């Protein structure tokens, strides 16, 4: 007998965050060119995270601005991340270690369905059409500038605190070249917390 008492909540602004954007990926490597990839935009991805304490239902959740992508019918466990690639083959070639977090499908259908290198509005809506996240990222100050093709991704700071995605200071450049899709990019504090 299975006695599961965990709850599954609908995805919403209290439990689902956009946590990482690779909007202008770094240049292709010689191996990637040899494998047939022709443009670094194939390596774009967007990551979401369940920032709540219960599993959430992503059925009916979709990106409708910036990119278009409808999530498959699925649940996302607490603190779990899911990655939507622009091109599955390119993503798996560059990030094989992140395969477990990769969703089925991709947002790269059509040349126009890609993340803008200069910034744009992102809109994530819930099953009933309610707004979960709406924000505009940019590639210039006060937004971090190194995610604009120099290697790192754009990462939401302290996602579990549910920061306002529209505030540039709530974002930073990732710590790893190529980003950390499907994994944490948390930075540990170094120093004396009493040194003020």
N, C-alpha and C. Protein backbone atom coordinates (compact mmCIF):
# COMPACT_ATOMS: atom_id res chain seq x y z
N UNK A 1 0.84 -1.18 0.00
CA UNK A 1 0.00 0.00 0.00
C UNK A 1 0.89 1.25 0.00
N UNK A 2 0.58 2.19 -0.87
CA UNK A 2 1.31 3.45 -0.94
C UNK A 2 0.46 4.51 -0.28
N UNK A 3 1.05 5.22 0.64
CA UNK A 3 0.33 6.27 1.34
C UNK A 3 1.09 7.58 1.14
N UNK A 4 0.82 8.25 0.04
CA UNK A 4 1.52 9.48 -0.30
C UNK A 4 0.69 10.67 0.16
N UNK A 5 1.22 11.43 1.10
CA UNK A 5 0.48 12.57 1.63
C UNK A 5 1.04 13.91 1.12
N UNK A 6 2.00 13.85 0.20
CA UNK A 6 2.55 15.10 -0.31
C UNK A 6 1.52 15.81 -1.19
N UNK A 7 1.63 17.13 -1.22
CA UNK A 7 0.70 17.91 -2.01
C UNK A 7 1.37 18.36 -3.30
N UNK A 8 0.56 18.55 -4.31
CA UNK A 8 1.02 19.10 -5.58
C UNK A 8 0.23 20.38 -5.80
N UNK A 9 0.96 21.48 -5.92
CA UNK A 9 0.33 22.77 -6.11
C UNK A 9 0.43 23.20 -7.56
N UNK A 10 -0.48 24.04 -8.04
CA UNK A 10 -0.31 24.59 -9.38
C UNK A 10 0.88 25.55 -9.40
N UNK A 11 1.58 25.60 -10.52
CA UNK A 11 2.69 26.54 -10.66
C UNK A 11 2.16 27.96 -10.63
N UNK A 12 2.88 28.83 -9.94
CA UNK A 12 2.48 30.23 -9.84
C UNK A 12 3.64 31.10 -9.41
N UNK A 13 3.41 32.39 -9.20
CA UNK A 13 4.50 33.30 -8.86
C UNK A 13 5.14 33.04 -7.50
N UNK A 14 4.49 32.30 -6.62
CA UNK A 14 5.07 32.00 -5.31
C UNK A 14 6.01 30.80 -5.34
N UNK A 15 5.95 30.01 -6.42
CA UNK A 15 6.75 28.77 -6.40
C UNK A 15 7.55 28.48 -7.66
N UNK A 16 7.43 29.28 -8.70
CA UNK A 16 8.17 29.01 -9.94
C UNK A 16 8.95 30.26 -10.36
N UNK A 17 10.26 30.10 -10.51
CA UNK A 17 11.12 31.21 -10.90
C UNK A 17 11.89 30.86 -12.16
N UNK A 18 12.19 31.89 -12.95
CA UNK A 18 13.13 31.76 -14.06
C UNK A 18 14.49 32.03 -13.44
N UNK A 19 15.39 31.04 -13.47
CA UNK A 19 16.63 31.16 -12.70
C UNK A 19 17.89 31.32 -13.54
N UNK A 20 17.85 31.01 -14.82
CA UNK A 20 19.05 31.15 -15.63
C UNK A 20 18.68 31.32 -17.10
N UNK A 21 19.37 32.24 -17.76
CA UNK A 21 19.20 32.49 -19.19
C UNK A 21 20.56 32.42 -19.87
N UNK A 22 20.65 31.60 -20.89
CA UNK A 22 21.82 31.64 -21.77
C UNK A 22 21.30 32.24 -23.07
N UNK A 23 21.34 33.57 -23.15
CA UNK A 23 20.73 34.27 -24.28
C UNK A 23 21.72 34.59 -25.39
N UNK A 24 23.01 34.57 -25.10
CA UNK A 24 24.02 34.81 -26.13
C UNK A 24 25.20 33.90 -25.83
N UNK A 25 25.09 32.68 -26.29
CA UNK A 25 26.09 31.65 -25.98
C UNK A 25 27.44 32.00 -26.58
N UNK A 26 28.48 31.43 -25.98
CA UNK A 26 29.84 31.66 -26.47
C UNK A 26 30.04 31.00 -27.83
N UNK A 27 31.13 31.36 -28.48
CA UNK A 27 31.42 30.87 -29.83
C UNK A 27 31.50 29.35 -29.89
N UNK A 28 31.26 28.84 -31.08
CA UNK A 28 31.35 27.41 -31.31
C UNK A 28 32.79 26.93 -31.17
N UNK A 29 32.94 25.72 -30.64
CA UNK A 29 34.26 25.10 -30.59
C UNK A 29 34.50 24.39 -31.93
N UNK A 30 35.75 24.08 -32.25
CA UNK A 30 36.02 23.32 -33.48
C UNK A 30 35.26 21.99 -33.52
N UNK A 31 35.13 21.33 -32.36
CA UNK A 31 34.39 20.05 -32.31
C UNK A 31 32.92 20.26 -32.63
N UNK A 32 32.34 21.37 -32.16
CA UNK A 32 30.93 21.65 -32.42
C UNK A 32 30.71 21.98 -33.90
N UNK A 33 31.64 22.70 -34.50
CA UNK A 33 31.56 22.98 -35.93
C UNK A 33 31.66 21.67 -36.72
N UNK A 34 32.59 20.81 -36.33
CA UNK A 34 32.76 19.52 -37.00
C UNK A 34 31.52 18.65 -36.85
N UNK A 35 30.78 18.83 -35.75
CA UNK A 35 29.55 18.06 -35.53
C UNK A 35 28.37 18.61 -36.32
N UNK A 36 28.58 19.73 -37.03
CA UNK A 36 27.53 20.27 -37.89
C UNK A 36 26.78 21.46 -37.34
N UNK A 37 27.13 21.95 -36.16
CA UNK A 37 26.45 23.13 -35.63
C UNK A 37 27.02 24.36 -36.31
N UNK A 38 26.13 25.30 -36.69
CA UNK A 38 26.54 26.43 -37.50
C UNK A 38 26.41 27.77 -36.80
N UNK A 39 25.69 27.82 -35.68
CA UNK A 39 25.43 29.10 -35.04
C UNK A 39 25.36 28.91 -33.54
N UNK A 40 25.98 29.81 -32.78
CA UNK A 40 25.96 29.66 -31.33
C UNK A 40 24.57 29.82 -30.74
N UNK A 41 23.62 30.39 -31.47
CA UNK A 41 22.27 30.52 -30.91
C UNK A 41 21.62 29.16 -30.67
N UNK A 42 22.13 28.11 -31.30
CA UNK A 42 21.61 26.76 -31.04
C UNK A 42 21.84 26.33 -29.60
N UNK A 43 22.79 26.97 -28.91
CA UNK A 43 23.17 26.58 -27.55
C UNK A 43 22.46 27.40 -26.47
N UNK A 44 21.47 28.18 -26.86
CA UNK A 44 20.69 28.95 -25.89
C UNK A 44 19.84 28.01 -25.03
N UNK A 45 19.57 28.44 -23.81
CA UNK A 45 18.63 27.71 -22.96
C UNK A 45 18.05 28.65 -21.93
N UNK A 46 16.98 28.20 -21.31
CA UNK A 46 16.34 28.92 -20.22
C UNK A 46 16.02 27.90 -19.14
N UNK A 47 16.26 28.27 -17.89
CA UNK A 47 16.05 27.35 -16.77
C UNK A 47 15.00 27.91 -15.83
N UNK A 48 14.14 27.02 -15.32
CA UNK A 48 13.18 27.39 -14.29
C UNK A 48 13.44 26.52 -13.06
N UNK A 49 12.96 26.99 -11.92
CA UNK A 49 13.17 26.26 -10.66
C UNK A 49 11.93 26.32 -9.80
N UNK A 50 11.61 25.20 -9.16
CA UNK A 50 10.56 25.17 -8.14
C UNK A 50 11.18 25.72 -6.87
N UNK A 51 10.80 26.93 -6.48
CA UNK A 51 11.36 27.58 -5.30
C UNK A 51 10.50 27.34 -4.07
N UNK A 52 9.43 26.56 -4.22
CA UNK A 52 8.54 26.28 -3.11
C UNK A 52 8.93 25.04 -2.33
N UNK A 53 8.08 24.67 -1.38
CA UNK A 53 8.32 23.51 -0.53
C UNK A 53 7.46 22.31 -0.90
N UNK A 54 6.62 22.45 -1.90
CA UNK A 54 5.78 21.35 -2.38
C UNK A 54 6.05 21.13 -3.86
N UNK A 55 5.70 19.96 -4.35
CA UNK A 55 5.79 19.71 -5.79
C UNK A 55 4.81 20.63 -6.51
N UNK A 56 5.16 21.03 -7.73
CA UNK A 56 4.26 21.89 -8.50
C UNK A 56 3.93 21.23 -9.83
N UNK A 57 2.74 21.53 -10.30
CA UNK A 57 2.24 21.01 -11.57
C UNK A 57 2.52 22.05 -12.66
N UNK A 58 3.29 21.64 -13.67
CA UNK A 58 3.62 22.55 -14.77
C UNK A 58 2.68 22.42 -15.96
N UNK A 59 1.66 21.60 -15.83
CA UNK A 59 0.70 21.44 -16.93
C UNK A 59 0.07 22.78 -17.27
N UNK A 60 0.13 23.17 -18.52
CA UNK A 60 -0.46 24.42 -18.98
C UNK A 60 0.43 25.64 -18.83
N UNK A 61 1.59 25.49 -18.21
CA UNK A 61 2.53 26.61 -18.06
C UNK A 61 3.23 26.81 -19.41
N UNK A 62 3.42 28.07 -19.77
CA UNK A 62 4.09 28.33 -21.05
C UNK A 62 4.77 29.69 -21.08
N UNK A 63 5.83 29.76 -21.87
CA UNK A 63 6.46 31.03 -22.21
C UNK A 63 5.72 31.55 -23.43
N UNK A 64 5.26 32.81 -23.35
CA UNK A 64 4.50 33.38 -24.47
C UNK A 64 5.14 34.64 -25.05
N UNK A 65 6.12 35.21 -24.36
CA UNK A 65 6.87 36.35 -24.87
C UNK A 65 8.35 36.04 -24.72
N UNK A 66 9.17 36.54 -25.63
CA UNK A 66 10.59 36.22 -25.66
C UNK A 66 10.79 34.95 -26.46
N UNK A 67 10.33 33.86 -25.90
CA UNK A 67 10.27 32.58 -26.62
C UNK A 67 8.85 32.04 -26.48
N UNK A 68 8.50 31.09 -27.31
CA UNK A 68 7.24 30.37 -27.11
C UNK A 68 7.58 28.92 -26.83
N UNK A 69 7.02 28.43 -25.73
CA UNK A 69 7.25 27.05 -25.32
C UNK A 69 6.16 26.66 -24.34
N UNK A 70 5.50 25.54 -24.58
CA UNK A 70 4.50 25.01 -23.66
C UNK A 70 5.12 23.83 -22.92
N UNK A 71 5.10 23.88 -21.60
CA UNK A 71 5.65 22.81 -20.79
C UNK A 71 4.84 21.53 -20.97
N UNK A 72 5.49 20.39 -20.93
CA UNK A 72 4.74 19.13 -20.97
C UNK A 72 3.98 18.95 -19.66
N UNK A 73 3.02 18.06 -19.65
CA UNK A 73 2.29 17.73 -18.43
C UNK A 73 3.23 17.01 -17.49
N UNK A 74 3.62 17.68 -16.39
CA UNK A 74 4.62 17.13 -15.48
C UNK A 74 4.58 17.85 -14.15
N UNK A 75 5.23 17.26 -13.15
CA UNK A 75 5.41 17.92 -11.88
C UNK A 75 6.90 18.19 -11.69
N UNK A 76 7.19 19.19 -10.89
CA UNK A 76 8.56 19.56 -10.58
C UNK A 76 8.70 19.56 -9.05
N UNK A 77 9.64 18.78 -8.56
CA UNK A 77 9.84 18.62 -7.12
C UNK A 77 10.39 19.90 -6.51
N UNK A 78 10.26 20.07 -5.19
CA UNK A 78 10.82 21.26 -4.53
C UNK A 78 12.32 21.40 -4.80
N UNK A 79 12.73 22.60 -5.14
CA UNK A 79 14.11 22.98 -5.43
C UNK A 79 14.69 22.31 -6.67
N UNK A 80 13.86 21.61 -7.42
CA UNK A 80 14.32 21.00 -8.68
C UNK A 80 14.30 22.06 -9.78
N UNK A 81 15.16 21.83 -10.77
CA UNK A 81 15.27 22.74 -11.91
C UNK A 81 14.92 21.99 -13.19
N UNK A 82 14.40 22.72 -14.15
CA UNK A 82 14.11 22.16 -15.47
C UNK A 82 14.67 23.11 -16.52
N UNK A 83 15.26 22.55 -17.56
CA UNK A 83 15.93 23.34 -18.59
C UNK A 83 15.23 23.14 -19.93
N UNK A 84 14.95 24.26 -20.60
CA UNK A 84 14.36 24.23 -21.94
C UNK A 84 15.45 24.68 -22.91
N UNK A 85 15.88 23.81 -23.81
CA UNK A 85 16.93 24.19 -24.76
C UNK A 85 16.34 24.80 -26.03
N UNK A 86 17.13 25.55 -26.72
CA UNK A 86 16.71 25.99 -28.06
C UNK A 86 16.84 24.84 -29.04
N UNK A 87 17.91 24.05 -28.90
CA UNK A 87 18.17 22.92 -29.78
C UNK A 87 18.68 21.76 -28.90
N UNK A 88 17.90 20.69 -28.82
CA UNK A 88 18.27 19.57 -27.93
C UNK A 88 19.63 18.97 -28.26
N UNK A 89 19.88 18.75 -29.54
CA UNK A 89 21.15 18.15 -29.93
C UNK A 89 22.34 19.01 -29.55
N UNK A 90 22.22 20.31 -29.78
CA UNK A 90 23.30 21.22 -29.41
C UNK A 90 23.49 21.24 -27.91
N UNK A 91 22.38 21.31 -27.18
CA UNK A 91 22.47 21.35 -25.72
C UNK A 91 23.17 20.11 -25.18
N UNK A 92 22.77 18.95 -25.64
CA UNK A 92 23.36 17.71 -25.14
C UNK A 92 24.82 17.57 -25.54
N UNK A 93 25.21 18.15 -26.68
CA UNK A 93 26.61 18.11 -27.09
C UNK A 93 27.47 18.96 -26.16
N UNK A 94 26.93 20.11 -25.73
CA UNK A 94 27.71 21.02 -24.89
C UNK A 94 27.54 20.74 -23.40
N UNK A 95 26.37 20.23 -23.00
CA UNK A 95 26.06 20.04 -21.57
C UNK A 95 25.58 18.62 -21.29
N UNK A 96 26.33 17.59 -21.60
CA UNK A 96 25.84 16.23 -21.38
C UNK A 96 25.52 15.94 -19.92
N UNK A 97 26.21 16.61 -18.99
CA UNK A 97 25.97 16.38 -17.57
C UNK A 97 24.64 16.92 -17.09
N UNK A 98 23.98 17.76 -17.89
CA UNK A 98 22.69 18.35 -17.51
C UNK A 98 21.51 17.64 -18.13
N UNK A 99 21.73 16.48 -18.72
CA UNK A 99 20.66 15.76 -19.42
C UNK A 99 19.46 15.46 -18.53
N UNK A 100 19.70 15.17 -17.25
CA UNK A 100 18.60 14.81 -16.35
C UNK A 100 17.61 15.96 -16.14
N UNK A 101 18.06 17.20 -16.25
CA UNK A 101 17.19 18.36 -16.04
C UNK A 101 16.52 18.83 -17.33
N UNK A 102 16.88 18.23 -18.44
CA UNK A 102 16.39 18.67 -19.75
C UNK A 102 14.96 18.23 -19.98
N UNK A 103 14.11 19.16 -20.36
CA UNK A 103 12.72 18.82 -20.68
C UNK A 103 12.64 18.24 -22.08
N UNK A 104 11.56 17.53 -22.33
CA UNK A 104 11.32 17.08 -23.70
C UNK A 104 10.94 18.31 -24.52
N UNK A 105 11.31 18.31 -25.77
CA UNK A 105 11.00 19.44 -26.63
C UNK A 105 12.10 20.48 -26.60
N UNK A 106 11.87 21.53 -27.35
CA UNK A 106 12.82 22.64 -27.47
C UNK A 106 12.05 23.86 -27.91
N UNK A 107 12.67 25.04 -27.74
CA UNK A 107 11.97 26.26 -28.18
C UNK A 107 12.51 26.77 -29.50
N UNK A 108 13.38 26.05 -30.14
CA UNK A 108 14.03 26.53 -31.34
C UNK A 108 13.33 26.27 -32.64
N UNK A 109 12.04 26.06 -32.62
CA UNK A 109 11.32 25.84 -33.86
C UNK A 109 11.15 27.19 -34.56
N UNK A 110 11.83 27.35 -35.68
CA UNK A 110 11.77 28.62 -36.41
C UNK A 110 12.87 29.56 -35.98
N UNK A 111 13.43 30.28 -36.91
CA UNK A 111 14.54 31.19 -36.64
C UNK A 111 14.16 32.30 -35.66
N UNK A 112 12.89 32.73 -35.69
CA UNK A 112 12.47 33.81 -34.82
C UNK A 112 12.29 33.40 -33.38
N UNK A 113 12.20 32.11 -33.07
CA UNK A 113 11.96 31.65 -31.71
C UNK A 113 13.30 31.42 -31.01
N UNK A 114 13.91 32.55 -30.62
CA UNK A 114 15.19 32.49 -29.93
C UNK A 114 15.27 33.66 -28.97
N UNK A 115 16.19 33.59 -28.03
CA UNK A 115 16.38 34.68 -27.08
C UNK A 115 17.19 35.79 -27.76
N UNK A 116 16.76 37.01 -27.57
CA UNK A 116 17.44 38.15 -28.20
C UNK A 116 18.78 38.43 -27.51
N UNK A 117 19.81 38.65 -28.31
CA UNK A 117 21.12 38.97 -27.76
C UNK A 117 21.18 40.35 -27.12
N UNK A 118 20.24 41.21 -27.45
CA UNK A 118 20.25 42.56 -26.90
C UNK A 118 19.23 42.74 -25.78
N UNK A 119 18.48 41.69 -25.45
CA UNK A 119 17.49 41.76 -24.37
C UNK A 119 16.08 41.85 -24.92
N UNK A 120 15.14 41.42 -24.11
CA UNK A 120 13.73 41.44 -24.50
C UNK A 120 12.86 41.06 -23.31
N UNK A 121 11.56 41.21 -23.50
CA UNK A 121 10.62 40.84 -22.45
C UNK A 121 10.41 39.32 -22.46
N UNK A 122 10.38 38.76 -21.26
CA UNK A 122 10.07 37.34 -21.06
C UNK A 122 8.77 37.27 -20.28
N UNK A 123 7.84 36.46 -20.77
CA UNK A 123 6.57 36.27 -20.07
C UNK A 123 6.31 34.79 -19.91
N UNK A 124 6.11 34.38 -18.66
CA UNK A 124 5.78 33.00 -18.31
C UNK A 124 4.41 33.02 -17.68
N UNK A 125 3.50 32.24 -18.25
CA UNK A 125 2.12 32.23 -17.75
C UNK A 125 1.74 30.84 -17.23
N UNK A 126 0.73 30.83 -16.36
CA UNK A 126 0.25 29.59 -15.76
C UNK A 126 -0.87 28.97 -16.56
N UNK A 127 -1.39 27.87 -16.02
CA UNK A 127 -2.41 27.09 -16.71
C UNK A 127 -3.66 27.91 -17.03
N UNK A 128 -4.03 28.82 -16.17
CA UNK A 128 -5.21 29.64 -16.41
C UNK A 128 -4.89 30.94 -17.12
N UNK A 129 -3.67 31.08 -17.61
CA UNK A 129 -3.27 32.30 -18.29
C UNK A 129 -2.74 33.38 -17.36
N UNK A 130 -2.70 33.09 -16.03
CA UNK A 130 -2.21 34.11 -15.10
C UNK A 130 -0.72 34.31 -15.28
N UNK A 131 -0.30 35.51 -15.00
CA UNK A 131 1.12 35.86 -15.14
C UNK A 131 1.91 35.27 -13.98
N UNK A 132 2.94 34.48 -14.32
CA UNK A 132 3.84 33.96 -13.29
C UNK A 132 5.08 34.85 -13.22
N UNK A 133 5.68 35.14 -14.35
CA UNK A 133 6.85 36.02 -14.41
C UNK A 133 6.77 36.88 -15.66
N UNK A 134 7.01 38.17 -15.48
CA UNK A 134 7.14 39.10 -16.61
C UNK A 134 8.30 40.04 -16.27
N UNK A 135 9.32 40.03 -17.11
CA UNK A 135 10.47 40.89 -16.90
C UNK A 135 11.18 41.09 -18.22
N UNK A 136 11.97 42.14 -18.29
CA UNK A 136 12.78 42.42 -19.47
C UNK A 136 14.23 42.43 -19.05
N UNK A 137 15.02 41.53 -19.66
CA UNK A 137 16.46 41.54 -19.41
C UNK A 137 17.12 42.37 -20.50
N UNK A 138 18.30 42.93 -20.19
CA UNK A 138 19.05 43.71 -21.16
C UNK A 138 20.51 43.27 -21.14
N UNK A 139 21.26 43.69 -22.14
CA UNK A 139 22.68 43.33 -22.24
C UNK A 139 23.60 44.49 -21.89
N UNK A 140 23.06 45.48 -21.18
CA UNK A 140 23.85 46.65 -20.81
C UNK A 140 23.55 47.06 -19.38
N UNK A 141 24.47 47.82 -18.79
CA UNK A 141 24.32 48.29 -17.42
C UNK A 141 22.97 48.96 -17.23
N UNK A 142 22.25 48.71 -16.13
CA UNK A 142 22.69 48.06 -14.90
C UNK A 142 22.61 46.53 -14.90
N UNK A 143 22.24 45.94 -16.02
CA UNK A 143 22.26 44.47 -16.11
C UNK A 143 23.70 44.00 -16.28
N UNK A 144 24.02 42.79 -15.82
CA UNK A 144 25.37 42.26 -16.05
C UNK A 144 25.64 42.17 -17.55
N UNK A 145 26.85 42.56 -17.97
CA UNK A 145 27.15 42.60 -19.40
C UNK A 145 27.90 41.37 -19.90
N UNK A 146 28.61 40.66 -19.04
CA UNK A 146 29.40 39.52 -19.53
C UNK A 146 28.56 38.35 -20.05
N UNK A 147 27.28 38.19 -19.65
CA UNK A 147 26.49 37.13 -20.28
C UNK A 147 26.19 37.38 -21.76
N UNK A 148 26.54 38.55 -22.26
CA UNK A 148 26.29 38.89 -23.65
C UNK A 148 27.42 38.35 -24.54
N UNK A 149 27.52 37.02 -24.63
CA UNK A 149 28.44 36.37 -25.54
C UNK A 149 29.83 36.11 -25.02
N UNK A 150 30.11 36.48 -23.76
CA UNK A 150 31.46 36.31 -23.23
C UNK A 150 31.64 35.02 -22.43
N UNK A 151 30.60 34.19 -22.37
CA UNK A 151 30.74 32.89 -21.72
C UNK A 151 29.75 32.57 -20.64
N UNK A 152 29.59 33.44 -19.62
CA UNK A 152 28.66 33.08 -18.55
C UNK A 152 27.20 33.29 -18.95
N UNK A 153 26.33 32.67 -18.17
CA UNK A 153 24.89 32.87 -18.35
C UNK A 153 24.44 33.98 -17.41
N UNK A 154 23.18 34.36 -17.53
CA UNK A 154 22.55 35.34 -16.64
C UNK A 154 21.81 34.54 -15.57
N UNK A 155 22.15 34.78 -14.30
CA UNK A 155 21.66 33.95 -13.20
C UNK A 155 20.91 34.80 -12.19
N UNK A 156 19.74 34.31 -11.76
CA UNK A 156 18.97 34.98 -10.72
C UNK A 156 19.64 34.75 -9.37
N UNK A 157 19.82 35.82 -8.61
CA UNK A 157 20.45 35.74 -7.29
C UNK A 157 19.42 35.28 -6.27
N UNK A 158 19.79 34.31 -5.44
CA UNK A 158 18.97 33.82 -4.32
C UNK A 158 17.53 33.53 -4.74
N UNK A 159 17.33 32.61 -5.68
CA UNK A 159 15.98 32.36 -6.19
C UNK A 159 14.97 31.93 -5.14
N UNK A 160 15.41 31.23 -4.09
CA UNK A 160 14.46 30.77 -3.06
C UNK A 160 13.82 31.92 -2.30
N UNK A 161 14.43 33.11 -2.37
CA UNK A 161 13.85 34.29 -1.73
C UNK A 161 12.82 34.97 -2.63
N UNK A 162 12.61 34.42 -3.82
CA UNK A 162 11.62 34.92 -4.77
C UNK A 162 11.81 36.40 -5.10
N UNK A 163 13.03 36.76 -5.58
CA UNK A 163 13.28 38.18 -5.89
C UNK A 163 12.51 38.63 -7.13
N UNK A 164 12.32 39.93 -7.22
CA UNK A 164 11.66 40.54 -8.37
C UNK A 164 12.56 40.37 -9.59
N UNK A 165 12.08 39.63 -10.59
CA UNK A 165 12.88 39.35 -11.78
C UNK A 165 13.16 40.60 -12.62
N UNK A 166 12.35 41.64 -12.44
CA UNK A 166 12.50 42.85 -13.26
C UNK A 166 13.59 43.79 -12.74
N UNK A 167 14.16 43.51 -11.58
CA UNK A 167 15.19 44.36 -10.99
C UNK A 167 16.56 43.85 -11.42
N UNK A 168 17.33 44.64 -12.16
CA UNK A 168 18.64 44.17 -12.65
C UNK A 168 19.59 43.70 -11.55
N UNK A 169 19.54 44.33 -10.37
CA UNK A 169 20.45 43.97 -9.28
C UNK A 169 20.14 42.59 -8.70
N UNK A 170 19.02 42.00 -9.09
CA UNK A 170 18.70 40.64 -8.64
C UNK A 170 19.29 39.58 -9.56
N UNK A 171 20.06 40.00 -10.54
CA UNK A 171 20.70 39.09 -11.48
C UNK A 171 22.21 39.33 -11.47
N UNK A 172 22.97 38.31 -11.83
CA UNK A 172 24.41 38.43 -11.94
C UNK A 172 24.90 37.50 -13.05
N UNK A 173 26.15 37.70 -13.44
CA UNK A 173 26.78 36.78 -14.38
C UNK A 173 27.06 35.47 -13.65
N UNK A 174 26.86 34.36 -14.34
CA UNK A 174 27.15 33.07 -13.75
C UNK A 174 28.63 32.91 -13.46
N UNK A 175 28.93 31.95 -12.59
CA UNK A 175 30.32 31.73 -12.18
C UNK A 175 31.08 30.82 -13.14
N UNK A 176 30.36 30.09 -13.98
CA UNK A 176 31.01 29.11 -14.87
C UNK A 176 30.84 29.52 -16.32
N UNK A 177 31.90 29.37 -17.10
CA UNK A 177 31.79 29.59 -18.54
C UNK A 177 30.80 28.56 -19.09
N UNK A 178 29.84 29.02 -19.86
CA UNK A 178 28.82 28.13 -20.39
C UNK A 178 27.61 27.98 -19.52
N UNK A 179 27.68 28.47 -18.27
CA UNK A 179 26.54 28.38 -17.38
C UNK A 179 26.50 27.07 -16.60
N UNK A 180 25.46 26.93 -15.80
CA UNK A 180 25.27 25.73 -14.99
C UNK A 180 23.84 25.21 -15.14
N UNK A 181 23.43 24.86 -16.35
CA UNK A 181 22.05 24.43 -16.54
C UNK A 181 21.72 23.19 -15.71
N UNK A 182 20.60 23.27 -15.00
CA UNK A 182 20.14 22.15 -14.19
C UNK A 182 20.80 22.06 -12.83
N UNK A 183 21.75 22.95 -12.54
CA UNK A 183 22.45 22.91 -11.26
C UNK A 183 22.52 24.28 -10.63
N UNK A 184 22.91 24.30 -9.38
CA UNK A 184 23.02 25.55 -8.64
C UNK A 184 24.26 26.32 -9.06
N UNK A 185 24.13 27.63 -9.06
CA UNK A 185 25.25 28.52 -9.32
C UNK A 185 25.47 29.40 -8.10
N UNK A 186 25.08 28.89 -6.93
CA UNK A 186 25.18 29.67 -5.69
C UNK A 186 26.65 29.98 -5.40
N UNK A 187 26.87 31.15 -4.86
CA UNK A 187 28.20 31.60 -4.47
C UNK A 187 28.25 31.65 -2.95
N UNK A 188 29.17 30.90 -2.35
CA UNK A 188 29.32 30.91 -0.89
C UNK A 188 29.99 32.20 -0.44
N UNK A 189 29.55 32.69 0.72
CA UNK A 189 30.15 33.88 1.30
C UNK A 189 31.57 33.58 1.77
N UNK A 190 32.49 34.46 1.43
CA UNK A 190 33.88 34.34 1.86
C UNK A 190 34.21 35.60 2.64
N UNK A 191 34.69 35.45 3.86
CA UNK A 191 35.04 36.61 4.66
C UNK A 191 34.54 36.47 6.07
N UNK A 192 34.66 37.55 6.81
CA UNK A 192 34.24 37.59 8.20
C UNK A 192 32.88 38.28 8.27
N UNK A 193 31.82 37.55 8.67
CA UNK A 193 30.50 38.18 8.69
C UNK A 193 30.38 39.29 9.74
N UNK A 194 31.33 39.33 10.68
CA UNK A 194 31.28 40.36 11.72
C UNK A 194 32.19 41.55 11.43
N UNK A 195 32.80 41.55 10.25
CA UNK A 195 33.77 42.61 9.91
C UNK A 195 33.08 43.81 9.30
N UNK A 196 32.30 44.50 10.07
CA UNK A 196 31.66 45.72 9.59
C UNK A 196 31.79 46.75 10.62
